[in-house]
Protein backbone atom coordinates (compact mmCIF):
# COMPACT_ATOMS: atom_id res chain seq x y z
CA MET A 1 -0.10 0.09 -0.22
CA LEU A 2 0.99 3.13 -1.10
CA ARG A 3 1.76 6.01 1.69
CA PHE A 4 0.53 9.11 1.56
CA LYS A 5 4.14 10.83 0.72
CA ASP A 6 4.74 8.28 -2.17
CA PHE A 7 0.80 9.02 -3.55
CA ILE A 8 1.40 12.89 -4.15
CA LYS A 9 4.80 11.87 -6.15
CA GLN A 10 3.27 9.46 -8.03
CA GLU A 11 0.68 12.06 -8.95
CA GLN A 12 3.31 14.71 -9.92
CA VAL A 13 5.02 12.07 -11.83
CA ASP A 14 1.49 11.19 -13.68
CA GLU A 15 0.99 15.12 -14.36
CA ALA A 16 4.27 16.14 -15.51
CA ASN A 17 4.06 12.78 -17.96
CA LEU A 18 0.76 14.40 -19.71
CA ALA A 19 0.16 17.22 -21.97
CA LYS A 20 -3.08 19.21 -23.04
CA VAL A 21 -3.66 20.12 -26.41
CA ASN A 22 -6.09 22.21 -28.40
CA ARG A 23 -6.56 22.68 -32.04
CA VAL A 24 -7.56 25.85 -32.98
CA ARG A 25 -9.38 26.61 -35.99
CA GLY A 26 -10.55 30.06 -37.15
CA GLY A 27 -9.51 31.40 -33.63
CA LYS A 28 -11.61 29.11 -31.75
CA VAL A 29 -11.21 25.97 -29.49
CA GLN A 30 -12.05 22.84 -31.86
CA ARG A 31 -10.51 20.32 -29.49
CA ARG A 32 -9.40 20.20 -25.99
CA LYS A 33 -7.56 16.99 -25.46
CA ILE A 34 -4.95 15.32 -22.97
CA VAL A 35 -1.97 13.54 -24.52
CA SER A 36 0.59 11.12 -23.11
CA MET A 37 3.81 12.76 -23.19
CA ARG A 38 5.44 9.48 -22.32
CA PRO A 39 6.49 7.22 -24.97
CA GLY A 40 5.05 3.28 -24.76
CA TYR A 41 1.81 5.17 -22.59
CA ARG A 42 -1.52 6.13 -23.58
CA VAL A 43 -3.84 8.15 -21.63
CA GLN A 44 -7.30 5.88 -20.14
CA ALA A 45 -9.92 7.81 -18.40
CA GLY A 46 -7.23 10.70 -17.24
CA LYS A 47 -4.67 8.12 -16.03
CA LEU A 48 -1.65 7.06 -18.22
CA VAL A 49 -1.26 2.96 -19.17
CA ARG A 50 1.41 1.06 -20.39
CA MET A 51 0.59 0.36 -24.43
CA SER A 52 0.64 -3.42 -24.54
CA SER A 53 3.15 -4.96 -27.61
CA ILE A 54 0.59 -5.43 -29.69
CA GLU A 55 -1.12 -2.04 -29.73
CA ARG A 56 2.42 -0.49 -30.03
CA ARG A 57 2.90 -2.97 -33.23
CA LYS A 58 -0.61 -1.79 -34.62
CA ARG A 59 -0.18 2.07 -34.07
CA HIS A 60 3.29 1.49 -35.72
CA LEU A 61 2.04 -0.01 -38.80
CA ALA A 62 -0.86 2.13 -39.22
CA GLN A 63 1.72 5.35 -39.39
CA VAL A 64 3.98 3.47 -42.23
CA LYS A 65 0.42 3.10 -44.06
CA ALA A 66 -0.61 7.01 -43.16
CA SER A 67 2.82 7.96 -44.25
CA ARG A 68 3.34 5.64 -47.36
CA LYS A 69 -0.65 7.10 -48.43
CA ARG A 70 0.98 10.68 -47.21
CA LYS A 71 3.97 10.84 -49.57
CA PRO A 72 2.52 11.31 -53.16
CA MET A 73 0.51 14.19 -52.22
CA MET A 74 3.31 16.39 -49.99
CA ALA A 75 4.27 18.19 -52.95
CA ARG A 76 0.43 19.28 -53.33
CA ILE A 77 0.06 19.77 -49.34
CA LEU A 78 3.19 22.22 -49.58
CA ARG A 79 2.55 23.99 -52.23
CA LYS A 80 -1.26 24.61 -50.86
CA ARG A 81 0.19 25.71 -47.25
CA ALA A 82 3.16 28.07 -49.62
CA VAL A 83 0.26 29.89 -51.16
CA SER A 84 -1.82 30.31 -48.47
CA LEU A 85 0.77 31.56 -46.47
CA ARG A 86 1.78 34.35 -49.23
CA ARG A 87 -2.13 35.25 -49.08
CA ARG A 88 -1.60 35.71 -45.58
CA LYS A 89 1.88 37.59 -45.78
CA THR A 90 0.17 40.17 -48.42
CA ALA A 91 -3.01 40.70 -46.21
CA GLY A 92 -0.98 42.05 -43.14
CA ILE A 93 -2.15 38.79 -41.35
CA LYS A 94 1.35 37.17 -40.55
């Protein structure tokens, strides 16, 4: 059983490994999410949980597939981003 002092230390460690991520679109926060900053762990019910080896392997394969799909589109994505940043610059936004 954990003593109170150990429990407090554990809570501080968990909080240090969590980060709040906001996605802002059009000046409004679309999504607030708590993510894990510790590799091999994910957030479940507000607490850090170690991922199983199967889950890590599945996530890795999904990332590989996604990068292969994204690679042919990257030239178009970068060109569109450059155009929009140029427009923002001429408009004086950024």
